[in-house]
Every structure is written in C-alpha cells, then in structure tokens.
C-alpha cells in the first residue's frame, strides 16, 4: 500500500501478480537453492500453471548487458519465483528446506 503505484494497480488489475524477485546472500547460495528445490521447478516459462524459479543472469536476462542488469538490480545473487497454483504452504516449505541447509 505504500508504493506510489499501488492505487493505479488496484484500479487497473483484478489482483496482484505472483512474481517475486529476491537476492540470496551469495551467488553460490542462489545456485544452491536452484538445485535443492523439489516441488518448485527450475525452468523458464513452460506455459503452464506450475511454480517456477529462474536464475535471470543466465536465463531471462542473459542477453542484457551486465551494466544494465546490475543497474536494474539483477545480480548473480538474484532469483525470480513465478508462483503457480500449488498450495502456498507447500511452496513455502519447499523454499524453506532448500534454504535451511545453506
């Protein structure tokens, strides 16, 4: 609600998106999460309804020059999660178990 575009989004859309971008502490930890998730699929869009996790630096933004990626907050520590229709508690648990062992 504090974001300057919150009211615009409320008027223009039926709901809010389910895409989250977050940074891990290190590049190594980001890559480790990708290999440890079980329910969440490490893939770019498959055109389905499943939850996906991506590594933008080598996937969706691989062709973007590094300077521009960094300016836009996309670093080797960045992961992007596109939430699907799975049970939210299951997704949280999957991320938790992937991160707990780091």
PDB file of N, CA and C in Angstrom:
ATOM      1  N   UNK A   1       0.793  -1.220   0.000  1.00  0.00           N
ATOM      2  CA  UNK A   1       0.000   0.000   0.000  1.00  0.00           C
ATOM      3  C   UNK A   1       0.833   1.281   0.000  1.00  0.00           C
ATOM      4  N   UNK A   2       2.096   1.203   0.404  1.00  0.00           N
ATOM      5  CA  UNK A   2       2.938   2.400   0.438  1.00  0.00           C
ATOM      6  C   UNK A   2       3.532   2.736  -0.925  1.00  0.00           C
ATOM      7  N   UNK A   3       3.531   1.794  -1.848  1.00  0.00           N
ATOM      8  CA  UNK A   3       4.148   2.029  -3.154  1.00  0.00           C
ATOM      9  C   UNK A   3       3.366   3.104  -3.901  1.00  0.00           C
ATOM     10  N   UNK A   4       4.052   4.012  -4.589  1.00  0.00           N
ATOM     11  CA  UNK A   4       3.368   5.102  -5.286  1.00  0.00           C
ATOM     12  C   UNK A   4       2.384   4.647  -6.367  1.00  0.00           C
ATOM     13  N   UNK A   5       2.552   3.453  -6.895  1.00  0.00           N
ATOM     14  CA  UNK A   5       1.656   2.966  -7.954  1.00  0.00           C
ATOM     15  C   UNK A   5       0.586   2.008  -7.431  1.00  0.00           C
ATOM     16  N   UNK A   6       0.481   1.879  -6.137  1.00  0.00           N
ATOM     17  CA  UNK A   6      -0.475   0.940  -5.546  1.00  0.00           C
ATOM     18  C   UNK A   6      -1.912   1.219  -5.999  1.00  0.00           C
ATOM     19  N   UNK A   7      -2.344   2.450  -5.929  1.00  0.00           N
ATOM     20  CA  UNK A   7      -3.724   2.799  -6.292  1.00  0.00           C
ATOM     21  C   UNK A   7      -3.989   2.563  -7.778  1.00  0.00           C
ATOM     22  N   UNK A   8      -3.008   2.844  -8.615  1.00  0.00           N
ATOM     23  CA  UNK A   8      -3.153   2.588 -10.053  1.00  0.00           C
ATOM     24  C   UNK A   8      -3.340   1.097 -10.290  1.00  0.00           C
ATOM     25  N   UNK A   9      -2.497   0.288  -9.654  1.00  0.00           N
ATOM     26  CA  UNK A   9      -2.597  -1.171  -9.795  1.00  0.00           C
ATOM     27  C   UNK A   9      -3.972  -1.661  -9.343  1.00  0.00           C
ATOM     28  N   UNK A  10      -4.453  -1.135  -8.254  1.00  0.00           N
ATOM     29  CA  UNK A  10      -5.758  -1.543  -7.732  1.00  0.00           C
ATOM     30  C   UNK A  10      -6.875  -1.262  -8.741  1.00  0.00           C
ATOM     31  N   UNK A  11      -6.767  -0.151  -9.454  1.00  0.00           N
ATOM     32  CA  UNK A  11      -7.788   0.218 -10.432  1.00  0.00           C
ATOM     33  C   UNK A  11      -7.670  -0.580 -11.726  1.00  0.00           C
ATOM     34  N   UNK A  12      -6.447  -0.874 -12.147  1.00  0.00           N
ATOM     35  CA  UNK A  12      -6.230  -1.482 -13.455  1.00  0.00           C
ATOM     36  C   UNK A  12      -6.246  -3.005 -13.461  1.00  0.00           C
ATOM     37  N   UNK A  13      -6.042  -3.624 -12.340  1.00  0.00           N
ATOM     38  CA  UNK A  13      -5.927  -5.088 -12.314  1.00  0.00           C
ATOM     39  C   UNK A  13      -6.915  -5.700 -11.330  1.00  0.00           C
ATOM     40  N   UNK A  14      -7.231  -6.948 -11.569  1.00  0.00           N
ATOM     41  CA  UNK A  14      -8.136  -7.667 -10.672  1.00  0.00           C
ATOM     42  C   UNK A  14      -7.427  -8.159  -9.417  1.00  0.00           C
ATOM     43  N   UNK A  15      -6.141  -8.249  -9.475  1.00  0.00           N
ATOM     44  CA  UNK A  15      -5.368  -8.737  -8.336  1.00  0.00           C
ATOM     45  C   UNK A  15      -3.920  -8.360  -8.535  1.00  0.00           C
ATOM     46  N   UNK A  16      -3.108  -8.843  -7.678  1.00  0.00           N
ATOM     47  CA  UNK A  16      -1.689  -8.540  -7.765  1.00  0.00           C
ATOM     48  C   UNK A  16      -0.955  -9.753  -8.291  1.00  0.00           C
ATOM     49  N   UNK A  17       0.156  -9.524  -8.922  1.00  0.00           N
ATOM     50  CA  UNK A  17       0.913 -10.592  -9.550  1.00  0.00           C
ATOM     51  C   UNK A  17       1.525 -11.555  -8.557  1.00  0.00           C
ATOM     52  N   UNK A  18       1.999 -12.620  -9.102  1.00  0.00           N
ATOM     53  CA  UNK A  18       2.593 -13.656  -8.267  1.00  0.00           C
ATOM     54  C   UNK A  18       4.035 -13.896  -8.688  1.00  0.00           C
ATOM     55  N   UNK A  19       4.731 -12.826  -9.010  1.00  0.00           N
ATOM     56  CA  UNK A  19       6.137 -12.923  -9.364  1.00  0.00           C
ATOM     57  C   UNK A  19       6.933 -12.220  -8.277  1.00  0.00           C
ATOM     58  N   UNK A  20       7.889 -12.941  -7.722  1.00  0.00           N
ATOM     59  CA  UNK A  20       8.733 -12.403  -6.660  1.00  0.00           C
ATOM     60  C   UNK A  20      10.185 -12.471  -7.101  1.00  0.00           C
ATOM     61  N   UNK A  21      10.919 -11.421  -6.837  1.00  0.00           N
ATOM     62  CA  UNK A  21      12.347 -11.419  -7.109  1.00  0.00           C
ATOM     63  C   UNK A  21      13.046 -11.150  -5.789  1.00  0.00           C
ATOM     64  N   UNK A  22      14.064 -11.944  -5.503  1.00  0.00           N
ATOM     65  CA  UNK A  22      14.789 -11.765  -4.246  1.00  0.00           C
ATOM     66  C   UNK A  22      16.251 -12.128  -4.443  1.00  0.00           C
ATOM     67  N   UNK A  23      17.081 -11.626  -3.541  1.00  0.00           N
ATOM     68  CA  UNK A  23      18.517 -11.875  -3.594  1.00  0.00           C
ATOM     69  C   UNK A  23      18.944 -12.740  -2.421  1.00  0.00           C
ATOM     70  N   UNK A  24      19.776 -13.703  -2.721  1.00  0.00           N
ATOM     71  CA  UNK A  24      20.402 -14.517  -1.691  1.00  0.00           C
ATOM     72  C   UNK A  24      21.664 -13.790  -1.218  1.00  0.00           C
ATOM     73  N   UNK A  25      22.287 -14.302  -0.156  1.00  0.00           N
ATOM     74  CA  UNK A  25      23.489 -13.659   0.384  1.00  0.00           C
ATOM     75  C   UNK A  25      24.672 -13.737  -0.578  1.00  0.00           C
ATOM     76  N   UNK A  26      24.762 -14.837  -1.319  1.00  0.00           N
ATOM     77  CA  UNK A  26      25.880 -15.022  -2.249  1.00  0.00           C
ATOM     78  C   UNK A  26      25.385 -15.690  -3.526  1.00  0.00           C
ATOM     79  N   UNK A  27      26.198 -15.610  -4.558  1.00  0.00           N
ATOM     80  CA  UNK A  27      25.891 -16.298  -5.814  1.00  0.00           C
ATOM     81  C   UNK A  27      25.816 -17.805  -5.592  1.00  0.00           C
ATOM     82  N   UNK A  28      26.715 -18.333  -4.783  1.00  0.00           N
ATOM     83  CA  UNK A  28      26.745 -19.771  -4.513  1.00  0.00           C
ATOM     84  C   UNK A  28      25.455 -20.237  -3.849  1.00  0.00           C
ATOM     85  N   UNK A  29      24.937 -19.433  -2.916  1.00  0.00           N
ATOM     86  CA  UNK A  29      23.687 -19.799  -2.241  1.00  0.00           C
ATOM     87  C   UNK A  29      22.505 -19.732  -3.205  1.00  0.00           C
ATOM     88  N   UNK A  30      22.518 -18.762  -4.098  1.00  0.00           N
ATOM     89  CA  UNK A  30      21.444 -18.673  -5.094  1.00  0.00           C
ATOM     90  C   UNK A  30      21.428 -19.931  -5.955  1.00  0.00           C
ATOM     91  N   UNK A  31      22.594 -20.334  -6.432  1.00  0.00           N
ATOM     92  CA  UNK A  31      22.676 -21.534  -7.271  1.00  0.00           C
ATOM     93  C   UNK A  31      22.314 -22.790  -6.486  1.00  0.00           C
ATOM     94  N   UNK A  32      22.661 -22.824  -5.210  1.00  0.00           N
ATOM     95  CA  UNK A  32      22.332 -23.984  -4.383  1.00  0.00           C
ATOM     96  C   UNK A  32      20.820 -24.141  -4.225  1.00  0.00           C
ATOM     97  N   UNK A  33      20.117 -23.033  -4.048  1.00  0.00           N
ATOM     98  CA  UNK A  33      18.652 -23.100  -3.927  1.00  0.00           C
ATOM     99  C   UNK A  33      18.059 -23.732  -5.178  1.00  0.00           C
ATOM    100  N   UNK A  34      18.573 -23.364  -6.335  1.00  0.00           N
ATOM    101  CA  UNK A  34      18.059 -23.900  -7.599  1.00  0.00           C
ATOM    102  C   UNK A  34      18.177 -25.420  -7.659  1.00  0.00           C
ATOM    103  N   UNK A  35      19.220 -25.952  -7.089  1.00  0.00           N
ATOM    104  CA  UNK A  35      19.415 -27.407  -7.143  1.00  0.00           C
ATOM    105  C   UNK A  35      18.716 -28.140  -6.006  1.00  0.00           C
ATOM    106  N   UNK A  36      18.232 -27.411  -5.007  1.00  0.00           N
ATOM    107  CA  UNK A  36      17.638 -28.057  -3.835  1.00  0.00           C
ATOM    108  C   UNK A  36      16.117 -28.003  -3.779  1.00  0.00           C
ATOM    109  N   UNK A  37      15.496 -27.139  -4.572  1.00  0.00           N
ATOM    110  CA  UNK A  37      14.029 -27.122  -4.557  1.00  0.00           C
ATOM    111  C   UNK A  37      13.518 -28.447  -5.112  1.00  0.00           C
ATOM    112  N   UNK A  38      12.390 -28.892  -4.597  1.00  0.00           N
ATOM    113  CA  UNK A  38      11.831 -30.180  -5.012  1.00  0.00           C
ATOM    114  C   UNK A  38      10.500 -30.013  -5.746  1.00  0.00           C
ATOM    115  N   UNK A  39       9.602 -29.261  -5.148  1.00  0.00           N
ATOM    116  CA  UNK A  39       8.292 -29.032  -5.757  1.00  0.00           C
ATOM    117  C   UNK A  39       8.387 -27.953  -6.844  1.00  0.00           C
ATOM    118  N   UNK A  40       9.108 -26.913  -6.536  1.00  0.00           N
ATOM    119  CA  UNK A  40       9.278 -25.799  -7.465  1.00  0.00           C
ATOM    120  C   UNK A  40      10.236 -26.221  -8.570  1.00  0.00           C
ATOM    121  N   UNK A  41       9.866 -25.918  -9.811  1.00  0.00           N
ATOM    122  CA  UNK A  41      10.694 -26.311 -10.952  1.00  0.00           C
ATOM    123  C   UNK A  41      11.662 -25.194 -11.339  1.00  0.00           C
ATOM    124  N   UNK A  42      12.917 -25.579 -11.559  1.00  0.00           N
ATOM    125  CA  UNK A  42      13.927 -24.638 -12.040  1.00  0.00           C
ATOM    126  C   UNK A  42      13.832 -24.620 -13.559  1.00  0.00           C
ATOM    127  N   UNK A  43      13.127 -23.617 -14.083  1.00  0.00           N
ATOM    128  CA  UNK A  43      12.904 -23.529 -15.532  1.00  0.00           C
ATOM    129  C   UNK A  43      12.355 -22.152 -15.870  1.00  0.00           C
ATOM    130  N   UNK A  44      12.522 -21.774 -17.129  1.00  0.00           N
ATOM    131  CA  UNK A  44      11.834 -20.584 -17.621  1.00  0.00           C
ATOM    132  C   UNK A  44      10.404 -20.988 -17.926  1.00  0.00           C
ATOM    133  N   UNK A  45       9.581 -20.069 -18.318  1.00  0.00           N
ATOM    134  CA  UNK A  45       8.165 -20.334 -18.526  1.00  0.00           C
ATOM    135  C   UNK A  45       7.920 -21.535 -19.426  1.00  0.00           C
ATOM    136  N   UNK A  46       7.093 -22.420 -18.932  1.00  0.00           N
ATOM    137  CA  UNK A  46       6.703 -23.594 -19.702  1.00  0.00           C
ATOM    138  C   UNK A  46       5.281 -23.447 -20.237  1.00  0.00           C
ATOM    139  N   UNK A  47       4.673 -22.296 -19.978  1.00  0.00           N
ATOM    140  CA  UNK A  47       3.316 -22.047 -20.442  1.00  0.00           C
ATOM    141  C   UNK A  47       2.262 -22.760 -19.623  1.00  0.00           C
ATOM    142  N   UNK A  48       2.630 -23.218 -18.450  1.00  0.00           N
ATOM    143  CA  UNK A  48       1.701 -23.951 -17.600  1.00  0.00           C
ATOM    144  C   UNK A  48       1.339 -23.169 -16.354  1.00  0.00           C
ATOM    145  N   UNK A  49       0.857 -23.895 -15.365  1.00  0.00           N
ATOM    146  CA  UNK A  49       0.397 -23.263 -14.131  1.00  0.00           C
ATOM    147  C   UNK A  49       1.286 -23.600 -12.938  1.00  0.00           C
ATOM    148  N   UNK A  50       2.395 -24.291 -13.193  1.00  0.00           N
ATOM    149  CA  UNK A  50       3.266 -24.697 -12.099  1.00  0.00           C
ATOM    150  C   UNK A  50       4.178 -23.551 -11.657  1.00  0.00           C
ATOM    151  N   UNK A  51       4.636 -23.647 -10.425  1.00  0.00           N
ATOM    152  CA  UNK A  51       5.553 -22.656  -9.886  1.00  0.00           C
ATOM    153  C   UNK A  51       6.948 -22.901 -10.438  1.00  0.00           C
ATOM    154  N   UNK A  52       7.580 -21.815 -10.883  1.00  0.00           N
ATOM    155  CA  UNK A  52       8.917 -21.900 -11.469  1.00  0.00           C
ATOM    156  C   UNK A  52       9.866 -20.961 -10.740  1.00  0.00           C
ATOM    157  N   UNK A  53      11.118 -21.368 -10.667  1.00  0.00           N
ATOM    158  CA  UNK A  53      12.161 -20.487 -10.158  1.00  0.00           C
ATOM    159  C   UNK A  53      13.199 -20.347 -11.264  1.00  0.00           C
ATOM    160  N   UNK A  54      13.652 -19.115 -11.477  1.00  0.00           N
ATOM    161  CA  UNK A  54      14.627 -18.878 -12.541  1.00  0.00           C
ATOM    162  C   UNK A  54      15.845 -18.148 -11.990  1.00  0.00           C
ATOM    163  N   UNK A  55      16.906 -18.232 -12.759  1.00  0.00           N
ATOM    164  CA  UNK A  55      18.158 -17.546 -12.465  1.00  0.00           C
ATOM    165  C   UNK A  55      18.358 -16.535 -13.594  1.00  0.00           C
ATOM    166  N   UNK A  56      17.822 -15.320 -13.417  1.00  0.00           N
ATOM    167  CA  UNK A  56      17.773 -14.345 -14.505  1.00  0.00           C
ATOM    168  C   UNK A  56      19.102 -14.059 -15.203  1.00  0.00           C
ATOM    169  N   UNK A  57      20.204 -14.092 -14.466  1.00  0.00           N
ATOM    170  CA  UNK A  57      21.508 -13.759 -15.056  1.00  0.00           C
ATOM    171  C   UNK A  57      21.845 -14.669 -16.235  1.00  0.00           C
ATOM    172  N   UNK A  58      21.468 -15.940 -16.155  1.00  0.00           N
ATOM    173  CA  UNK A  58      21.796 -16.869 -17.244  1.00  0.00           C
ATOM    174  C   UNK A  58      20.571 -17.324 -18.031  1.00  0.00           C
ATOM    175  N   UNK A  59      19.399 -16.866 -17.635  1.00  0.00           N
ATOM    176  CA  UNK A  59      18.190 -17.273 -18.348  1.00  0.00           C
ATOM    177  C   UNK A  59      17.514 -16.058 -18.974  1.00  0.00           C
ATOM    178  N   UNK A  60      16.530 -15.512 -18.311  1.00  0.00           N
ATOM    179  CA  UNK A  60      15.690 -14.466 -18.895  1.00  0.00           C
ATOM    180  C   UNK A  60      16.433 -13.193 -19.275  1.00  0.00           C
ATOM    181  N   UNK A  61      17.517 -12.880 -18.578  1.00  0.00           N
ATOM    182  CA  UNK A  61      18.240 -11.633 -18.838  1.00  0.00           C
ATOM    183  C   UNK A  61      19.674 -11.880 -19.305  1.00  0.00           C
ATOM    184  N   UNK A  62      19.939 -13.049 -19.824  1.00  0.00           N
ATOM    185  CA  UNK A  62      21.296 -13.398 -20.259  1.00  0.00           C
ATOM    186  C   UNK A  62      21.809 -12.474 -21.367  1.00  0.00           C
ATOM    187  N   UNK A  63      20.927 -11.993 -22.216  1.00  0.00           N
ATOM    188  CA  UNK A  63      21.335 -11.134 -23.332  1.00  0.00           C
ATOM    189  C   UNK A  63      21.409  -9.655 -22.970  1.00  0.00           C
ATOM    190  N   UNK A  64      21.012  -9.320 -21.750  1.00  0.00           N
ATOM    191  CA  UNK A  64      21.066  -7.930 -21.308  1.00  0.00           C
ATOM    192  C   UNK A  64      22.494  -7.639 -20.826  1.00  0.00           C
ATOM    193  N   UNK A  65      23.097  -6.562 -21.289  1.00  0.00           N
ATOM    194  CA  UNK A  65      24.454  -6.240 -20.840  1.00  0.00           C
ATOM    195  C   UNK A  65      24.536  -6.155 -19.308  1.00  0.00           C
ATOM    196  N   UNK A  66      25.646  -6.639 -18.774  1.00  0.00           N
ATOM    197  CA  UNK A  66      25.813  -6.702 -17.318  1.00  0.00           C
ATOM    198  C   UNK A  66      25.560  -5.356 -16.645  1.00  0.00           C
ATOM    199  N   UNK A  67      26.059  -4.281 -17.219  1.00  0.00           N
ATOM    200  CA  UNK A  67      25.885  -2.952 -16.632  1.00  0.00           C
ATOM    201  C   UNK A  67      24.402  -2.620 -16.452  1.00  0.00           C
ATOM    202  N   UNK A  68      23.598  -2.949 -17.438  1.00  0.00           N
ATOM    203  CA  UNK A  68      22.156  -2.675 -17.367  1.00  0.00           C
ATOM    204  C   UNK A  68      21.490  -3.610 -16.365  1.00  0.00           C
ATOM    205  N   UNK A  69      21.879  -4.888 -16.391  1.00  0.00           N
ATOM    206  CA  UNK A  69      21.323  -5.835 -15.405  1.00  0.00           C
ATOM    207  C   UNK A  69      21.577  -5.336 -13.985  1.00  0.00           C
ATOM    208  N   UNK A  70      22.818  -4.972 -13.704  1.00  0.00           N
ATOM    209  CA  UNK A  70      23.168  -4.520 -12.354  1.00  0.00           C
ATOM    210  C   UNK A  70      22.425  -3.247 -11.982  1.00  0.00           C
ATOM    211  N   UNK A  71      22.296  -2.328 -12.933  1.00  0.00           N
ATOM    212  CA  UNK A  71      21.561  -1.084 -12.687  1.00  0.00           C
ATOM    213  C   UNK A  71      20.109  -1.376 -12.312  1.00  0.00           C
ATOM    214  N   UNK A  72      19.571  -2.456 -12.866  1.00  0.00           N
ATOM    215  CA  UNK A  72      18.190  -2.844 -12.593  1.00  0.00           C
ATOM    216  C   UNK A  72      18.065  -3.852 -11.453  1.00  0.00           C
ATOM    217  N   UNK A  73      19.149  -4.082 -10.734  1.00  0.00           N
ATOM    218  CA  UNK A  73      19.091  -4.936  -9.553  1.00  0.00           C
ATOM    219  C   UNK A  73      19.170  -6.423  -9.823  1.00  0.00           C
ATOM    220  N   UNK A  74      19.563  -6.802 -11.020  1.00  0.00           N
ATOM    221  CA  UNK A  74      19.676  -8.226 -11.359  1.00  0.00           C
ATOM    222  C   UNK A  74      21.145  -8.605 -11.262  1.00  0.00           C
ATOM    223  N   UNK A  75      21.465  -9.344 -10.212  1.00  0.00           N
ATOM    224  CA  UNK A  75      22.847  -9.722  -9.927  1.00  0.00           C
ATOM    225  C   UNK A  75      22.969 -11.246  -9.936  1.00  0.00           C
ATOM    226  N   UNK A  76      24.173 -11.770  -9.798  1.00  0.00           N
ATOM    227  CA  UNK A  76      24.336 -13.220  -9.694  1.00  0.00           C
ATOM    228  C   UNK A  76      23.711 -13.813  -8.421  1.00  0.00           C
ATOM    229  N   UNK A  77      23.240 -12.964  -7.521  1.00  0.00           N
ATOM    230  CA  UNK A  77      22.570 -13.417  -6.293  1.00  0.00           C
ATOM    231  C   UNK A  77      21.049 -13.465  -6.455  1.00  0.00           C
ATOM    232  N   UNK A  78      20.547 -13.011  -7.598  1.00  0.00           N
ATOM    233  CA  UNK A  78      19.112 -12.825  -7.816  1.00  0.00           C
ATOM    234  C   UNK A  78      18.417 -14.097  -8.285  1.00  0.00           C
ATOM    235  N   UNK A  79      17.274 -14.378  -7.667  1.00  0.00           N
ATOM    236  CA  UNK A  79      16.384 -15.459  -8.091  1.00  0.00           C
ATOM    237  C   UNK A  79      15.012 -14.856  -8.347  1.00  0.00           C
ATOM    238  N   UNK A  80      14.274 -15.461  -9.267  1.00  0.00           N
ATOM    239  CA  UNK A  80      12.916 -14.989  -9.556  1.00  0.00           C
ATOM    240  C   UNK A  80      11.960 -16.162  -9.464  1.00  0.00           C
ATOM    241  N   UNK A  81      10.900 -15.967  -8.723  1.00  0.00           N
ATOM    242  CA  UNK A  81       9.910 -17.011  -8.481  1.00  0.00           C
ATOM    243  C   UNK A  81       8.586 -16.607  -9.114  1.00  0.00           C
ATOM    244  N   UNK A  82       8.068 -17.447  -9.994  1.00  0.00           N
ATOM    245  CA  UNK A  82       6.741 -17.248 -10.582  1.00  0.00           C
ATOM    246  C   UNK A  82       5.823 -18.255  -9.913  1.00  0.00           C
ATOM    247  N   UNK A  83       4.923 -17.767  -9.082  1.00  0.00           N
ATOM    248  CA  UNK A  83       4.084 -18.642  -8.270  1.00  0.00           C
ATOM    249  C   UNK A  83       2.930 -19.192  -9.087  1.00  0.00           C
ATOM    250  N   UNK A  84       2.755 -20.495  -9.012  1.00  0.00           N
ATOM    251  CA  UNK A  84       1.686 -21.184  -9.726  1.00  0.00           C
ATOM    252  C   UNK A  84       0.504 -21.479  -8.820  1.00  0.00           C
ATOM    253  N   UNK A  85      -0.158 -22.590  -9.097  1.00  0.00           N
ATOM    254  CA  UNK A  85      -1.400 -22.912  -8.385  1.00  0.00           C
ATOM    255  C   UNK A  85      -1.221 -23.912  -7.247  1.00  0.00           C
ATOM    256  N   UNK A  86       0.008 -24.300  -6.957  1.00  0.00           N
ATOM    257  CA  UNK A  86       0.224 -25.242  -5.867  1.00  0.00           C
ATOM    258  C   UNK A  86      -0.174 -24.610  -4.530  1.00  0.00           C
ATOM    259  N   UNK A  87      -0.334 -25.434  -3.539  1.00  0.00           N
ATOM    260  CA  UNK A  87      -0.655 -24.970  -2.197  1.00  0.00           C
ATOM    261  C   UNK A  87       0.477 -24.068  -1.700  1.00  0.00           C
ATOM    262  N   UNK A  88       0.129 -22.890  -1.206  1.00  0.00           N
ATOM    263  CA  UNK A  88       1.159 -21.931  -0.784  1.00  0.00           C
ATOM    264  C   UNK A  88       2.015 -22.467   0.354  1.00  0.00           C
ATOM    265  N   UNK A  89       1.424 -23.219   1.269  1.00  0.00           N
ATOM    266  CA  UNK A  89       2.213 -23.795   2.362  1.00  0.00           C
ATOM    267  C   UNK A  89       3.259 -24.766   1.828  1.00  0.00           C
ATOM    268  N   UNK A  90       2.907 -25.528   0.798  1.00  0.00           N
ATOM    269  CA  UNK A  90       3.863 -26.465   0.195  1.00  0.00           C
ATOM    270  C   UNK A  90       5.019 -25.718  -0.466  1.00  0.00           C
ATOM    271  N   UNK A  91       4.706 -24.613  -1.114  1.00  0.00           N
ATOM    272  CA  UNK A  91       5.749 -23.817  -1.770  1.00  0.00           C
ATOM    273  C   UNK A  91       6.692 -23.193  -0.743  1.00  0.00           C
ATOM    274  N   UNK A  92       6.113 -22.668   0.320  1.00  0.00           N
ATOM    275  CA  UNK A  92       6.929 -22.075   1.387  1.00  0.00           C
ATOM    276  C   UNK A  92       7.835 -23.130   2.002  1.00  0.00           C
ATOM    277  N   UNK A  93       7.278 -24.303   2.257  1.00  0.00           N
ATOM    278  CA  UNK A  93       8.075 -25.385   2.829  1.00  0.00           C
ATOM    279  C   UNK A  93       9.205 -25.800   1.886  1.00  0.00           C
ATOM    280  N   UNK A  94       8.932 -25.835   0.597  1.00  0.00           N
ATOM    281  CA  UNK A  94       9.964 -26.207  -0.366  1.00  0.00           C
ATOM    282  C   UNK A  94      11.104 -25.189  -0.351  1.00  0.00           C
ATOM    283  N   UNK A  95      10.767 -23.914  -0.359  1.00  0.00           N
ATOM    284  CA  UNK A  95      11.810 -22.884  -0.293  1.00  0.00           C
ATOM    285  C   UNK A  95      12.559 -22.954   1.034  1.00  0.00           C
ATOM    286  N   UNK A  96      11.824 -23.175   2.099  1.00  0.00           N
ATOM    287  CA  UNK A  96      12.449 -23.263   3.421  1.00  0.00           C
ATOM    288  C   UNK A  96      13.472 -24.393   3.464  1.00  0.00           C
ATOM    289  N   UNK A  97      13.071 -25.585   2.999  1.00  0.00           N
ATOM    290  CA  UNK A  97      14.001 -26.715   3.056  1.00  0.00           C
ATOM    291  C   UNK A  97      15.201 -26.490   2.138  1.00  0.00           C
ATOM    292  N   UNK A  98      14.997 -25.785   1.033  1.00  0.00           N
ATOM    293  CA  UNK A  98      16.108 -25.514   0.112  1.00  0.00           C
ATOM    294  C   UNK A  98      17.102 -24.525   0.712  1.00  0.00           C
ATOM    295  N   UNK A  99      16.614 -23.629   1.547  1.00  0.00           N
ATOM    296  CA  UNK A  99      17.479 -22.598   2.126  1.00  0.00           C
ATOM    297  C   UNK A  99      18.059 -22.978   3.483  1.00  0.00           C
ATOM    298  N   UNK A 100      17.364 -23.828   4.223  1.00  0.00           N
ATOM    299  CA  UNK A 100      17.810 -24.167   5.575  1.00  0.00           C
ATOM    300  C   UNK A 100      19.186 -24.812   5.599  1.00  0.00           C
ATOM    301  N   UNK A 101      19.495 -25.586   4.614  1.00  0.00           N
ATOM    302  CA  UNK A 101      20.751 -26.330   4.630  1.00  0.00           C
ATOM    303  C   UNK A 101      21.934 -25.534   4.081  1.00  0.00           C
ATOM    304  N   UNK A 102      21.728 -24.265   3.801  1.00  0.00           N
ATOM    305  CA  UNK A 102      22.817 -23.449   3.237  1.00  0.00           C
ATOM    306  C   UNK A 102      23.720 -22.899   4.326  1.00  0.00           C
TER     307      UNK A 102
END
